[in-house]
C-alpha cells in the first residue's frame, strides 16, 4: 500500500477513454491530480463519486487540476466490459479521461487499485503538484471538504515533508455495496 506524502506509483491500465493518448502521472507534475476510482455498477460511484469528479473537472482550471477516472473492477467482471464502460461514459456524459485498471491475473484486486492501497469504490485520491499522495479516501467525501483540499493543494508551492498537515489517510467501511460505496472485502 502506498503511504500518504509519498510519490504516487504510475497507473497500470489497459485502455483509455475520452483521450487520444495514454496519460502518465509523471507528465501531470505541476498540477494537482484528482484520481477517482469507480465501478459503473457501484451505487455510491454513480450517485456520489462520479458527479463529484465531474463537478471538480468543470470547476477547476485544467492547467491547475487534472481529473482522471479509473474504472477498477473487482466484481461482476463479465458485465463491466470496456464496451459497456464506453456506453456508460457516453450516457452519463463523463468528459474527463477514464482509464481501465489492469485486471489481476489471479482474480483478485486490479493492479492500480492494489498499488494505491484502495479498499473499494468509490475512492478519491488527491496528488499534490509534486505527484505525492496527499489524500486517499474510500467512500463518500463532502464536496466542500474536497474543494477546500484541492484549493489548498493548488496554493502550495513546496511541501515540508516533516509537516503533519494533510497526511491523514481516510479508509473506512467494510462489506459489499451500499448506497455510498462498494468494498472489496
N, C-alpha and C. Protein backbone atom coordinates (compact mmCIF):
# COMPACT_ATOMS: atom_id res chain seq x y z
N UNK A 1 0.83 -1.18 0.00
CA UNK A 1 0.00 0.00 0.00
C UNK A 1 0.88 1.25 0.00
N UNK A 2 0.51 2.23 -0.78
CA UNK A 2 1.25 3.47 -0.88
C UNK A 2 0.85 4.40 0.26
N UNK A 3 1.84 5.02 0.89
CA UNK A 3 1.59 5.89 2.04
C UNK A 3 1.36 7.32 1.61
N UNK A 4 0.66 8.05 2.49
CA UNK A 4 0.43 9.46 2.29
C UNK A 4 1.78 10.18 2.25
N UNK A 5 1.88 11.17 1.40
CA UNK A 5 3.05 12.02 1.21
C UNK A 5 4.21 11.31 0.51
N UNK A 6 3.93 10.18 -0.14
CA UNK A 6 4.93 9.53 -0.98
C UNK A 6 4.53 9.74 -2.44
N UNK A 7 5.50 9.68 -3.32
CA UNK A 7 5.20 9.84 -4.75
C UNK A 7 4.31 8.69 -5.20
N UNK A 8 3.28 9.04 -5.92
CA UNK A 8 2.31 8.05 -6.38
C UNK A 8 2.93 7.12 -7.42
N UNK A 9 2.56 5.84 -7.39
CA UNK A 9 3.02 4.95 -8.45
C UNK A 9 2.30 5.30 -9.76
N UNK A 10 2.87 4.91 -10.87
CA UNK A 10 2.21 5.14 -12.15
C UNK A 10 0.95 4.28 -12.25
N UNK A 11 0.02 4.73 -13.03
CA UNK A 11 -1.20 3.97 -13.29
C UNK A 11 -0.83 2.76 -14.16
N UNK A 12 -1.42 1.62 -13.85
CA UNK A 12 -1.20 0.40 -14.63
C UNK A 12 -2.53 0.04 -15.27
N UNK A 13 -2.75 0.53 -16.48
CA UNK A 13 -4.06 0.43 -17.11
C UNK A 13 -3.94 -0.21 -18.49
N UNK A 14 -5.08 -0.70 -18.98
CA UNK A 14 -5.10 -1.38 -20.28
C UNK A 14 -5.63 -0.52 -21.41
N UNK A 15 -6.42 0.50 -21.06
CA UNK A 15 -7.09 1.29 -22.10
C UNK A 15 -7.49 2.63 -21.53
N UNK A 16 -7.60 3.63 -22.41
CA UNK A 16 -8.07 4.97 -22.05
C UNK A 16 -9.32 5.31 -22.85
N UNK A 17 -10.23 6.04 -22.22
CA UNK A 17 -11.43 6.54 -22.87
C UNK A 17 -11.45 8.05 -22.63
N UNK A 18 -11.94 8.81 -23.59
CA UNK A 18 -12.03 10.28 -23.53
C UNK A 18 -10.68 10.97 -23.66
N UNK A 19 -9.71 10.31 -24.22
CA UNK A 19 -8.43 10.92 -24.52
C UNK A 19 -7.83 10.19 -25.72
N UNK A 20 -7.05 10.91 -26.50
CA UNK A 20 -6.46 10.31 -27.69
C UNK A 20 -5.12 9.63 -27.42
N UNK A 21 -4.61 9.80 -26.19
CA UNK A 21 -3.30 9.22 -25.87
C UNK A 21 -3.28 8.73 -24.43
N UNK A 22 -2.29 7.91 -24.14
CA UNK A 22 -2.10 7.46 -22.76
C UNK A 22 -1.60 8.63 -21.93
N UNK A 23 -2.01 8.67 -20.68
CA UNK A 23 -1.62 9.73 -19.76
C UNK A 23 -0.78 9.11 -18.66
N UNK A 24 0.30 9.79 -18.29
CA UNK A 24 1.10 9.33 -17.15
C UNK A 24 1.00 10.36 -16.03
N UNK A 25 1.14 9.89 -14.81
CA UNK A 25 1.14 10.81 -13.67
C UNK A 25 2.37 11.70 -13.70
N UNK A 26 3.48 11.17 -14.20
CA UNK A 26 4.71 11.96 -14.27
C UNK A 26 4.52 13.20 -15.13
N UNK A 27 3.80 13.08 -16.25
CA UNK A 27 3.59 14.24 -17.12
C UNK A 27 2.63 15.26 -16.53
N UNK A 28 1.90 14.87 -15.49
CA UNK A 28 0.95 15.78 -14.85
C UNK A 28 1.56 16.55 -13.68
N UNK A 29 2.84 16.28 -13.39
CA UNK A 29 3.50 17.01 -12.29
C UNK A 29 3.40 18.50 -12.57
N UNK A 30 3.18 19.26 -11.52
CA UNK A 30 2.94 20.69 -11.66
C UNK A 30 1.47 21.02 -11.53
N UNK A 31 0.63 20.00 -11.65
CA UNK A 31 -0.81 20.16 -11.46
C UNK A 31 -1.26 19.30 -10.28
N UNK A 32 -2.35 19.69 -9.66
CA UNK A 32 -3.00 18.83 -8.68
C UNK A 32 -3.73 17.76 -9.49
N UNK A 33 -3.63 16.51 -9.07
CA UNK A 33 -4.29 15.42 -9.79
C UNK A 33 -5.36 14.81 -8.89
N UNK A 34 -6.55 14.67 -9.46
CA UNK A 34 -7.68 14.04 -8.78
C UNK A 34 -7.91 12.70 -9.46
N UNK A 35 -7.69 11.61 -8.73
CA UNK A 35 -7.97 10.28 -9.24
C UNK A 35 -9.26 9.80 -8.59
N UNK A 36 -10.21 9.42 -9.43
CA UNK A 36 -11.47 8.91 -8.90
C UNK A 36 -11.63 7.47 -9.38
N UNK A 37 -11.50 6.52 -8.45
CA UNK A 37 -11.66 5.11 -8.79
C UNK A 37 -13.14 4.74 -8.62
N UNK A 38 -13.68 4.06 -9.62
CA UNK A 38 -15.10 3.73 -9.61
C UNK A 38 -15.35 2.43 -10.36
N UNK A 39 -16.56 1.93 -10.16
CA UNK A 39 -17.11 0.85 -10.97
C UNK A 39 -18.47 1.33 -11.44
N UNK A 40 -18.82 1.06 -12.68
CA UNK A 40 -20.07 1.58 -13.20
C UNK A 40 -21.30 0.93 -12.54
N UNK A 41 -21.14 -0.18 -11.87
CA UNK A 41 -22.26 -0.81 -11.16
C UNK A 41 -22.22 -0.55 -9.66
N UNK A 42 -21.41 0.37 -9.21
CA UNK A 42 -21.32 0.73 -7.80
C UNK A 42 -22.29 1.87 -7.54
N UNK A 43 -23.31 1.67 -6.71
CA UNK A 43 -24.30 2.73 -6.45
C UNK A 43 -23.68 4.02 -5.93
N UNK A 44 -22.74 3.95 -5.02
CA UNK A 44 -22.10 5.15 -4.48
C UNK A 44 -21.30 5.90 -5.52
N UNK A 45 -20.72 5.16 -6.46
CA UNK A 45 -19.95 5.79 -7.53
C UNK A 45 -20.87 6.59 -8.45
N UNK A 46 -21.99 5.99 -8.82
CA UNK A 46 -22.91 6.62 -9.75
C UNK A 46 -23.63 7.81 -9.10
N UNK A 47 -24.04 7.67 -7.84
CA UNK A 47 -24.81 8.74 -7.22
C UNK A 47 -23.95 9.82 -6.57
N UNK A 48 -22.73 9.51 -6.16
CA UNK A 48 -21.91 10.49 -5.44
C UNK A 48 -20.55 10.74 -6.10
N UNK A 49 -19.78 9.69 -6.31
CA UNK A 49 -18.40 9.84 -6.75
C UNK A 49 -18.24 10.44 -8.13
N UNK A 50 -18.92 9.89 -9.12
CA UNK A 50 -18.78 10.42 -10.49
C UNK A 50 -19.32 11.84 -10.63
N UNK A 51 -20.49 12.16 -10.04
CA UNK A 51 -20.92 13.56 -10.10
C UNK A 51 -19.92 14.51 -9.44
N UNK A 52 -19.30 14.08 -8.35
CA UNK A 52 -18.30 14.92 -7.69
C UNK A 52 -17.08 15.11 -8.60
N UNK A 53 -16.60 14.04 -9.22
CA UNK A 53 -15.47 14.14 -10.13
C UNK A 53 -15.80 15.05 -11.32
N UNK A 54 -17.01 14.93 -11.85
CA UNK A 54 -17.43 15.79 -12.96
C UNK A 54 -17.48 17.25 -12.53
N UNK A 55 -17.97 17.50 -11.32
CA UNK A 55 -18.03 18.88 -10.81
C UNK A 55 -16.63 19.45 -10.63
N UNK A 56 -15.70 18.64 -10.14
CA UNK A 56 -14.31 19.09 -9.99
C UNK A 56 -13.73 19.42 -11.35
N UNK A 57 -13.99 18.55 -12.33
CA UNK A 57 -13.49 18.75 -13.69
C UNK A 57 -14.00 20.07 -14.27
N UNK A 58 -15.23 20.41 -13.99
CA UNK A 58 -15.83 21.65 -14.51
C UNK A 58 -15.40 22.87 -13.71
N UNK A 59 -15.18 22.73 -12.41
CA UNK A 59 -14.95 23.88 -11.53
C UNK A 59 -13.52 24.41 -11.53
N UNK A 60 -12.56 23.54 -11.74
CA UNK A 60 -11.15 23.95 -11.63
C UNK A 60 -10.50 24.03 -13.00
N UNK A 61 -9.59 24.98 -13.18
CA UNK A 61 -8.92 25.10 -14.49
C UNK A 61 -8.04 23.89 -14.78
N UNK A 62 -8.13 23.40 -16.00
CA UNK A 62 -7.36 22.21 -16.41
C UNK A 62 -5.86 22.44 -16.29
N UNK A 63 -5.42 23.68 -16.38
CA UNK A 63 -3.99 23.96 -16.24
C UNK A 63 -3.50 23.73 -14.82
N UNK A 64 -4.43 23.73 -13.84
CA UNK A 64 -4.07 23.56 -12.43
C UNK A 64 -4.50 22.22 -11.85
N UNK A 65 -5.60 21.66 -12.36
CA UNK A 65 -6.16 20.43 -11.79
C UNK A 65 -6.51 19.46 -12.91
N UNK A 66 -5.98 18.24 -12.83
CA UNK A 66 -6.31 17.18 -13.79
C UNK A 66 -7.19 16.15 -13.08
N UNK A 67 -8.29 15.81 -13.70
CA UNK A 67 -9.20 14.79 -13.16
C UNK A 67 -9.10 13.56 -14.04
N UNK A 68 -8.89 12.41 -13.40
CA UNK A 68 -8.80 11.13 -14.12
C UNK A 68 -9.69 10.12 -13.41
N UNK A 69 -10.54 9.47 -14.17
CA UNK A 69 -11.33 8.36 -13.65
C UNK A 69 -10.55 7.07 -13.85
N UNK A 70 -10.68 6.17 -12.89
CA UNK A 70 -10.05 4.86 -13.01
C UNK A 70 -11.15 3.82 -12.80
N UNK A 71 -11.52 3.14 -13.87
CA UNK A 71 -12.52 2.08 -13.74
C UNK A 71 -11.80 0.83 -13.26
N UNK A 72 -12.01 0.49 -12.01
CA UNK A 72 -11.27 -0.60 -11.37
C UNK A 72 -12.27 -1.67 -10.94
N UNK A 73 -12.29 -2.77 -11.67
CA UNK A 73 -13.31 -3.80 -11.50
C UNK A 73 -12.79 -4.94 -10.63
N UNK A 74 -13.49 -5.19 -9.52
CA UNK A 74 -13.14 -6.31 -8.66
C UNK A 74 -14.33 -7.24 -8.46
N UNK A 75 -15.43 -6.99 -9.15
CA UNK A 75 -16.61 -7.85 -9.10
C UNK A 75 -17.41 -7.67 -10.40
N UNK A 76 -18.29 -8.60 -10.71
CA UNK A 76 -19.14 -8.52 -11.91
C UNK A 76 -18.33 -8.26 -13.18
N UNK A 77 -17.20 -8.95 -13.31
CA UNK A 77 -16.29 -8.72 -14.43
C UNK A 77 -16.97 -8.84 -15.80
N UNK A 78 -17.84 -9.83 -15.97
CA UNK A 78 -18.46 -10.06 -17.27
C UNK A 78 -19.41 -8.94 -17.68
N UNK A 79 -19.96 -8.23 -16.71
CA UNK A 79 -20.90 -7.15 -17.01
C UNK A 79 -20.20 -5.82 -17.26
N UNK A 80 -19.00 -5.64 -16.70
CA UNK A 80 -18.33 -4.34 -16.79
C UNK A 80 -17.16 -4.39 -17.78
N UNK A 81 -17.50 -4.63 -19.02
CA UNK A 81 -16.52 -4.71 -20.10
C UNK A 81 -16.17 -3.31 -20.61
N UNK A 82 -15.08 -3.19 -21.35
CA UNK A 82 -14.76 -1.89 -21.95
C UNK A 82 -15.87 -1.34 -22.84
N UNK A 83 -16.54 -2.19 -23.58
CA UNK A 83 -17.64 -1.74 -24.46
C UNK A 83 -18.79 -1.19 -23.61
N UNK A 84 -19.14 -1.89 -22.55
CA UNK A 84 -20.20 -1.40 -21.65
C UNK A 84 -19.77 -0.10 -20.99
N UNK A 85 -18.50 0.00 -20.61
CA UNK A 85 -18.00 1.22 -19.98
C UNK A 85 -18.07 2.40 -20.95
N UNK A 86 -17.70 2.19 -22.20
CA UNK A 86 -17.79 3.28 -23.18
C UNK A 86 -19.22 3.79 -23.31
N UNK A 87 -20.19 2.88 -23.34
CA UNK A 87 -21.60 3.29 -23.41
C UNK A 87 -22.00 4.04 -22.13
N UNK A 88 -21.57 3.56 -20.99
CA UNK A 88 -21.86 4.20 -19.70
C UNK A 88 -21.30 5.63 -19.68
N UNK A 89 -20.05 5.79 -20.10
CA UNK A 89 -19.41 7.10 -20.10
C UNK A 89 -20.15 8.06 -21.05
N UNK A 90 -20.57 7.54 -22.18
CA UNK A 90 -21.33 8.36 -23.13
C UNK A 90 -22.68 8.77 -22.52
N UNK A 91 -23.41 7.82 -21.98
CA UNK A 91 -24.75 8.09 -21.44
C UNK A 91 -24.72 9.02 -20.23
N UNK A 92 -23.71 8.89 -19.40
CA UNK A 92 -23.60 9.74 -18.20
C UNK A 92 -22.83 11.03 -18.49
N UNK A 93 -22.44 11.23 -19.74
CA UNK A 93 -21.75 12.44 -20.19
C UNK A 93 -20.50 12.77 -19.36
N UNK A 94 -19.71 11.75 -19.13
CA UNK A 94 -18.46 11.93 -18.40
C UNK A 94 -17.44 12.48 -19.40
N UNK A 95 -16.86 13.63 -19.09
CA UNK A 95 -16.00 14.35 -20.03
C UNK A 95 -14.51 14.23 -19.72
N UNK A 96 -14.14 13.77 -18.54
CA UNK A 96 -12.72 13.66 -18.19
C UNK A 96 -12.18 12.31 -18.64
N UNK A 97 -10.86 12.18 -18.78
CA UNK A 97 -10.26 10.91 -19.19
C UNK A 97 -10.54 9.80 -18.18
N UNK A 98 -10.79 8.62 -18.69
CA UNK A 98 -11.05 7.44 -17.86
C UNK A 98 -10.11 6.32 -18.30
N UNK A 99 -9.40 5.77 -17.32
CA UNK A 99 -8.50 4.65 -17.56
C UNK A 99 -9.16 3.37 -17.07
N UNK A 100 -8.86 2.27 -17.73
CA UNK A 100 -9.35 0.97 -17.29
C UNK A 100 -8.20 0.26 -16.59
N UNK A 101 -8.38 0.02 -15.30
CA UNK A 101 -7.35 -0.61 -14.47
C UNK A 101 -7.04 -2.01 -15.01
N UNK A 102 -5.76 -2.36 -15.00
CA UNK A 102 -5.34 -3.68 -15.46
C UNK A 102 -5.85 -4.74 -14.49
N UNK A 103 -6.63 -5.70 -15.00
CA UNK A 103 -7.16 -6.75 -14.11
C UNK A 103 -6.04 -7.61 -13.55
N UNK A 104 -6.30 -8.16 -12.40
CA UNK A 104 -5.36 -9.08 -11.78
C UNK A 104 -5.35 -10.38 -12.57
N UNK A 105 -4.20 -10.99 -12.66
CA UNK A 105 -4.11 -12.29 -13.34
C UNK A 105 -4.53 -13.42 -12.40
N UNK A 106 -4.64 -13.11 -11.11
CA UNK A 106 -5.04 -14.14 -10.14
C UNK A 106 -6.49 -14.01 -9.71
N UNK A 107 -7.23 -13.05 -10.32
CA UNK A 107 -8.64 -12.90 -9.98
C UNK A 107 -8.88 -12.05 -8.75
N UNK A 108 -7.86 -11.38 -8.25
CA UNK A 108 -8.05 -10.55 -7.06
C UNK A 108 -8.15 -9.08 -7.46
N UNK A 109 -7.56 -8.22 -6.69
CA UNK A 109 -7.68 -6.78 -6.88
C UNK A 109 -6.86 -6.32 -8.09
N UNK A 110 -7.44 -5.45 -8.94
CA UNK A 110 -6.71 -4.93 -10.10
C UNK A 110 -5.43 -4.19 -9.70
N UNK A 111 -4.51 -4.06 -10.65
CA UNK A 111 -3.15 -3.57 -10.40
C UNK A 111 -3.08 -2.18 -9.78
N UNK A 112 -3.71 -1.19 -10.40
CA UNK A 112 -3.63 0.18 -9.87
C UNK A 112 -4.32 0.26 -8.52
N UNK A 113 -5.45 -0.40 -8.39
CA UNK A 113 -6.17 -0.42 -7.11
C UNK A 113 -5.27 -0.95 -6.00
N UNK A 114 -4.57 -2.01 -6.29
CA UNK A 114 -3.67 -2.60 -5.30
C UNK A 114 -2.47 -1.68 -5.01
N UNK A 115 -1.89 -1.11 -6.05
CA UNK A 115 -0.72 -0.25 -5.88
C UNK A 115 -1.02 0.97 -5.00
N UNK A 116 -2.23 1.48 -5.09
CA UNK A 116 -2.62 2.65 -4.29
C UNK A 116 -3.25 2.26 -2.96
N UNK A 117 -3.40 0.97 -2.69
CA UNK A 117 -3.98 0.54 -1.42
C UNK A 117 -5.46 0.88 -1.29
N UNK A 118 -6.18 0.85 -2.40
CA UNK A 118 -7.62 1.15 -2.35
C UNK A 118 -8.37 -0.01 -1.72
N UNK A 119 -9.42 0.31 -0.98
CA UNK A 119 -10.24 -0.70 -0.32
C UNK A 119 -11.53 -1.01 -1.06
N UNK A 120 -11.88 -0.20 -2.02
CA UNK A 120 -13.12 -0.39 -2.76
C UNK A 120 -13.42 0.86 -3.56
N UNK A 121 -14.69 0.96 -3.97
CA UNK A 121 -15.12 2.10 -4.77
C UNK A 121 -16.34 2.74 -4.13
N UNK A 122 -16.49 4.04 -4.25
CA UNK A 122 -15.56 4.99 -4.87
C UNK A 122 -14.38 5.29 -3.95
N UNK A 123 -13.25 5.56 -4.56
CA UNK A 123 -12.07 6.04 -3.84
C UNK A 123 -11.60 7.32 -4.51
N UNK A 124 -11.33 8.32 -3.70
CA UNK A 124 -10.83 9.60 -4.17
C UNK A 124 -9.39 9.74 -3.70
N UNK A 125 -8.48 9.96 -4.64
CA UNK A 125 -7.07 10.16 -4.32
C UNK A 125 -6.66 11.51 -4.87
N UNK A 126 -6.01 12.31 -4.02
CA UNK A 126 -5.51 13.62 -4.45
C UNK A 126 -4.00 13.61 -4.42
N UNK A 127 -3.40 14.06 -5.51
CA UNK A 127 -1.95 14.18 -5.61
C UNK A 127 -1.59 15.67 -5.65
N UNK A 128 -0.53 16.03 -4.95
CA UNK A 128 -0.09 17.42 -4.99
C UNK A 128 0.69 17.69 -6.27
N UNK A 129 1.16 18.90 -6.43
CA UNK A 129 1.85 19.30 -7.65
C UNK A 129 3.16 18.54 -7.87
N UNK A 130 3.71 17.96 -6.81
CA UNK A 130 4.94 17.17 -6.92
C UNK A 130 4.65 15.69 -7.16
N UNK A 131 3.36 15.32 -7.29
CA UNK A 131 2.99 13.94 -7.56
C UNK A 131 2.89 13.07 -6.33
N UNK A 132 2.84 13.69 -5.15
CA UNK A 132 2.73 12.93 -3.91
C UNK A 132 1.27 12.74 -3.50
N UNK A 133 0.98 11.59 -2.96
CA UNK A 133 -0.37 11.30 -2.48
C UNK A 133 -0.61 12.11 -1.21
N UNK A 134 -1.66 12.91 -1.24
CA UNK A 134 -1.99 13.72 -0.08
C UNK A 134 -3.31 13.30 0.55
N UNK A 135 -4.13 12.57 -0.19
CA UNK A 135 -5.40 12.08 0.35
C UNK A 135 -5.74 10.78 -0.35
N UNK A 136 -6.18 9.80 0.42
CA UNK A 136 -6.68 8.53 -0.11
C UNK A 136 -7.94 8.24 0.69
N UNK A 137 -9.10 8.52 0.09
CA UNK A 137 -10.37 8.44 0.83
C UNK A 137 -11.30 7.43 0.16
N UNK A 138 -11.72 6.44 0.93
CA UNK A 138 -12.67 5.43 0.46
C UNK A 138 -14.07 5.83 0.90
N UNK A 139 -15.00 5.87 -0.04
CA UNK A 139 -16.38 6.23 0.27
C UNK A 139 -16.67 7.68 -0.10
N UNK A 140 -17.83 8.11 0.32
CA UNK A 140 -18.27 9.47 0.01
C UNK A 140 -17.52 10.49 0.87
N UNK A 141 -17.13 11.60 0.24
CA UNK A 141 -16.48 12.69 0.94
C UNK A 141 -17.21 13.98 0.61
N UNK A 142 -17.42 14.81 1.59
CA UNK A 142 -18.16 16.05 1.45
C UNK A 142 -17.53 16.94 0.36
N UNK A 143 -18.37 17.49 -0.51
CA UNK A 143 -17.90 18.33 -1.62
C UNK A 143 -17.09 19.53 -1.14
N UNK A 144 -17.56 20.19 -0.08
CA UNK A 144 -16.83 21.37 0.41
C UNK A 144 -15.45 21.00 0.90
N UNK A 145 -15.34 19.88 1.58
CA UNK A 145 -14.04 19.45 2.07
C UNK A 145 -13.10 19.11 0.91
N UNK A 146 -13.64 18.44 -0.09
CA UNK A 146 -12.83 18.11 -1.27
C UNK A 146 -12.36 19.38 -1.96
N UNK A 147 -13.27 20.31 -2.17
CA UNK A 147 -12.91 21.57 -2.83
C UNK A 147 -11.87 22.35 -2.04
N UNK A 148 -12.04 22.39 -0.72
CA UNK A 148 -11.07 23.10 0.11
C UNK A 148 -9.70 22.45 0.05
N UNK A 149 -9.67 21.12 0.05
CA UNK A 149 -8.39 20.41 -0.02
C UNK A 149 -7.72 20.64 -1.36
N UNK A 150 -8.49 20.61 -2.44
CA UNK A 150 -7.92 20.88 -3.77
C UNK A 150 -7.39 22.31 -3.81
N UNK A 151 -8.16 23.25 -3.28
CA UNK A 151 -7.71 24.64 -3.25
C UNK A 151 -6.42 24.80 -2.47
N UNK A 152 -6.31 24.11 -1.36
CA UNK A 152 -5.08 24.16 -0.55
C UNK A 152 -3.91 23.60 -1.35
N UNK A 153 -4.12 22.47 -2.02
CA UNK A 153 -3.05 21.86 -2.81
C UNK A 153 -2.65 22.76 -3.98
N UNK A 154 -3.63 23.45 -4.56
CA UNK A 154 -3.32 24.37 -5.66
C UNK A 154 -2.45 25.53 -5.19
N UNK A 155 -2.64 25.94 -3.95
CA UNK A 155 -1.90 27.11 -3.44
C UNK A 155 -0.50 26.76 -2.96
N UNK A 156 -0.19 25.49 -2.79
CA UNK A 156 1.12 25.09 -2.29
C UNK A 156 2.17 25.21 -3.38
N UNK A 157 3.33 25.67 -2.98
CA UNK A 157 4.46 25.71 -3.91
C UNK A 157 5.52 24.70 -3.50
N UNK A 158 5.63 24.47 -2.20
CA UNK A 158 6.58 23.48 -1.70
C UNK A 158 5.97 22.87 -0.44
N UNK A 159 6.35 21.64 -0.17
CA UNK A 159 5.81 20.93 0.98
C UNK A 159 6.94 20.52 1.88
N UNK A 160 6.79 20.81 3.15
CA UNK A 160 7.75 20.36 4.15
C UNK A 160 7.43 18.90 4.45
N UNK A 161 8.30 17.94 4.09
CA UNK A 161 8.00 16.53 4.31
C UNK A 161 7.83 16.17 5.78
N UNK A 162 8.29 17.03 6.70
CA UNK A 162 8.14 16.75 8.12
C UNK A 162 6.84 17.29 8.70
N UNK A 163 6.07 18.00 7.87
CA UNK A 163 4.81 18.57 8.33
C UNK A 163 3.75 17.48 8.42
N UNK A 164 2.89 17.57 9.40
CA UNK A 164 1.79 16.61 9.53
C UNK A 164 0.55 17.06 8.78
N UNK A 165 0.59 18.23 8.20
CA UNK A 165 -0.56 18.79 7.51
C UNK A 165 -0.95 17.90 6.33
N UNK A 166 -2.20 17.55 6.25
CA UNK A 166 -2.78 16.76 5.15
C UNK A 166 -2.17 15.39 4.99
N UNK A 167 -1.64 14.79 6.04
CA UNK A 167 -1.05 13.48 5.90
C UNK A 167 -1.96 12.38 6.41
N UNK A 168 -3.23 12.69 6.62
CA UNK A 168 -4.13 11.65 7.09
C UNK A 168 -4.62 10.81 5.91
N UNK A 169 -4.87 9.58 6.16
CA UNK A 169 -5.40 8.70 5.14
C UNK A 169 -6.77 8.25 5.60
N UNK A 170 -7.76 8.42 4.74
CA UNK A 170 -9.12 8.10 5.09
C UNK A 170 -9.52 6.79 4.43
N UNK A 171 -9.61 5.73 5.19
CA UNK A 171 -10.09 4.45 4.67
C UNK A 171 -11.11 3.96 5.67
N UNK A 172 -12.34 3.82 5.19
CA UNK A 172 -13.42 3.42 6.08
C UNK A 172 -14.28 2.37 5.41
N UNK A 173 -15.08 1.71 6.22
CA UNK A 173 -16.10 0.82 5.70
C UNK A 173 -15.59 -0.57 5.34
N UNK A 174 -16.48 -1.52 5.43
CA UNK A 174 -16.23 -2.91 5.04
C UNK A 174 -17.51 -3.47 4.46
N UNK A 175 -17.42 -4.62 3.82
CA UNK A 175 -18.61 -5.26 3.34
C UNK A 175 -18.80 -5.06 1.85
N UNK A 176 -20.03 -5.27 1.40
CA UNK A 176 -20.36 -5.18 -0.01
C UNK A 176 -20.86 -3.79 -0.36
N UNK A 177 -21.56 -3.67 -1.46
CA UNK A 177 -22.09 -2.39 -1.90
C UNK A 177 -23.22 -1.92 -0.99
N UNK A 178 -23.23 -0.62 -0.75
CA UNK A 178 -24.38 0.04 -0.14
C UNK A 178 -24.61 1.32 -0.93
N UNK A 179 -25.36 2.25 -0.40
CA UNK A 179 -25.66 3.46 -1.15
C UNK A 179 -24.46 4.37 -1.37
N UNK A 180 -23.38 4.17 -0.61
CA UNK A 180 -22.26 5.09 -0.72
C UNK A 180 -20.97 4.46 -1.23
N UNK A 181 -20.81 3.13 -1.17
CA UNK A 181 -19.55 2.54 -1.61
C UNK A 181 -19.69 1.03 -1.82
N UNK A 182 -18.70 0.47 -2.53
CA UNK A 182 -18.61 -0.97 -2.73
C UNK A 182 -17.24 -1.41 -2.26
N UNK A 183 -17.19 -2.26 -1.25
CA UNK A 183 -15.92 -2.68 -0.67
C UNK A 183 -15.44 -3.97 -1.30
N UNK A 184 -14.11 -4.16 -1.27
CA UNK A 184 -13.52 -5.36 -1.84
C UNK A 184 -13.57 -6.54 -0.88
N UNK A 185 -13.77 -6.28 0.39
CA UNK A 185 -13.80 -7.40 1.33
C UNK A 185 -15.09 -7.45 2.09
